[in-house]
Amino acid sequence: MADCNDTLRELYQYLDGHLSDDDREHIQHHLDDCSPCLEAFDFEAELRQVVRQRCVDQAPEDLRQRIARAIDAER
């Protein structure tokens, strides 16, 4: 799994932690030695972080207030 095609094909599995220790080690060694693949890894890792931070559902304020009032009423 040391070439670029294999590394890029397994990148999502690597980021998700779904590879064996041996496969993770092979990919890590490849990333250490291959700047184009490392750039792809960095991009995907950063993209995941942005999506995780920005794509969070939030309850509308009026719903949050109704829930808070219901909780207070139960106390």
Protein backbone atom coordinates (compact mmCIF):
# COMPACT_ATOMS: atom_id res chain seq x y z
CA MET A 1 0.00 0.00 0.00
CA ALA A 2 2.98 2.26 -0.47
CA ASP A 3 2.10 3.92 -3.75
CA CYS A 4 0.06 7.09 -4.18
CA ASN A 5 -3.00 5.46 -5.72
CA ASP A 6 -3.35 2.99 -2.85
CA THR A 7 -2.70 5.67 -0.25
CA LEU A 8 -5.28 8.06 -1.70
CA ARG A 9 -7.80 5.26 -2.14
CA GLU A 10 -7.46 4.37 1.56
CA LEU A 11 -7.26 7.96 2.84
CA TYR A 12 -10.83 8.12 4.13
CA GLN A 13 -10.45 4.80 5.91
CA TYR A 14 -7.22 6.13 7.40
CA LEU A 15 -8.89 9.33 8.59
CA ASP A 16 -11.79 7.35 10.05
CA GLY A 17 -9.43 5.00 11.90
CA HIS A 18 -10.84 1.94 10.09
CA LEU A 19 -7.55 0.38 9.00
CA SER A 20 -5.40 -2.23 10.63
CA ASP A 21 -2.34 -1.02 12.49
CA ASP A 22 -0.11 -2.35 9.70
CA ASP A 23 -2.07 -0.52 7.00
CA ARG A 24 -2.08 2.68 9.05
CA GLU A 25 1.68 2.40 9.49
CA HIS A 26 2.22 1.88 5.75
CA ILE A 27 0.13 4.92 4.92
CA GLN A 28 1.84 7.03 7.56
CA HIS A 29 5.26 6.13 6.15
CA HIS A 30 4.04 7.00 2.66
CA LEU A 31 2.66 10.34 3.87
CA ASP A 32 5.97 11.08 5.59
CA ASP A 33 7.80 10.63 2.28
CA CYS A 34 5.28 11.94 -0.27
CA SER A 35 4.37 15.61 -0.12
CA PRO A 36 1.54 15.43 -2.73
CA CYS A 37 -0.22 12.73 -0.73
CA LEU A 38 0.44 14.61 2.49
CA GLU A 39 -1.17 17.69 0.95
CA ALA A 40 -4.23 15.62 0.02
CA PHE A 41 -4.33 14.25 3.56
CA ASP A 42 -4.05 17.74 5.08
CA PHE A 43 -6.82 19.04 2.82
CA GLU A 44 -9.19 16.18 3.67
CA ALA A 45 -8.44 16.41 7.39
CA GLU A 46 -9.04 20.17 7.39
CA LEU A 47 -12.20 19.81 5.31
CA ARG A 48 -13.58 17.28 7.78
CA GLN A 49 -12.81 19.63 10.66
CA VAL A 50 -14.59 22.56 8.96
CA VAL A 51 -17.63 20.43 8.15
CA ARG A 52 -17.74 19.09 11.71
CA GLN A 53 -17.58 22.61 13.15
CA ARG A 54 -19.96 24.32 10.73
CA CYS A 55 -22.57 21.68 10.05
CA VAL A 56 -24.07 21.47 13.47
CA ASP A 57 -27.81 21.58 13.80
CA GLN A 58 -28.99 24.05 16.38
CA ALA A 59 -32.49 24.28 17.74
CA PRO A 60 -34.30 27.54 16.98
CA GLU A 61 -34.22 30.02 19.84
CA ASP A 62 -37.99 29.88 20.42
CA LEU A 63 -37.82 26.09 20.80
CA ARG A 64 -34.95 26.39 23.26
CA GLN A 65 -36.95 28.92 25.30
CA ARG A 66 -40.04 26.66 25.34
CA ILE A 67 -37.94 23.74 26.53
CA ALA A 68 -36.34 25.88 29.25
CA ARG A 69 -39.78 27.04 30.42
CA ALA A 70 -41.05 23.43 30.45
CA ILE A 71 -38.06 22.36 32.54
CA ASP A 72 -38.60 25.25 34.94
CA ALA A 73 -42.30 24.36 35.23
CA GLU A 74 -41.41 20.78 36.19
CA ARG A 75 -39.12 21.93 38.98
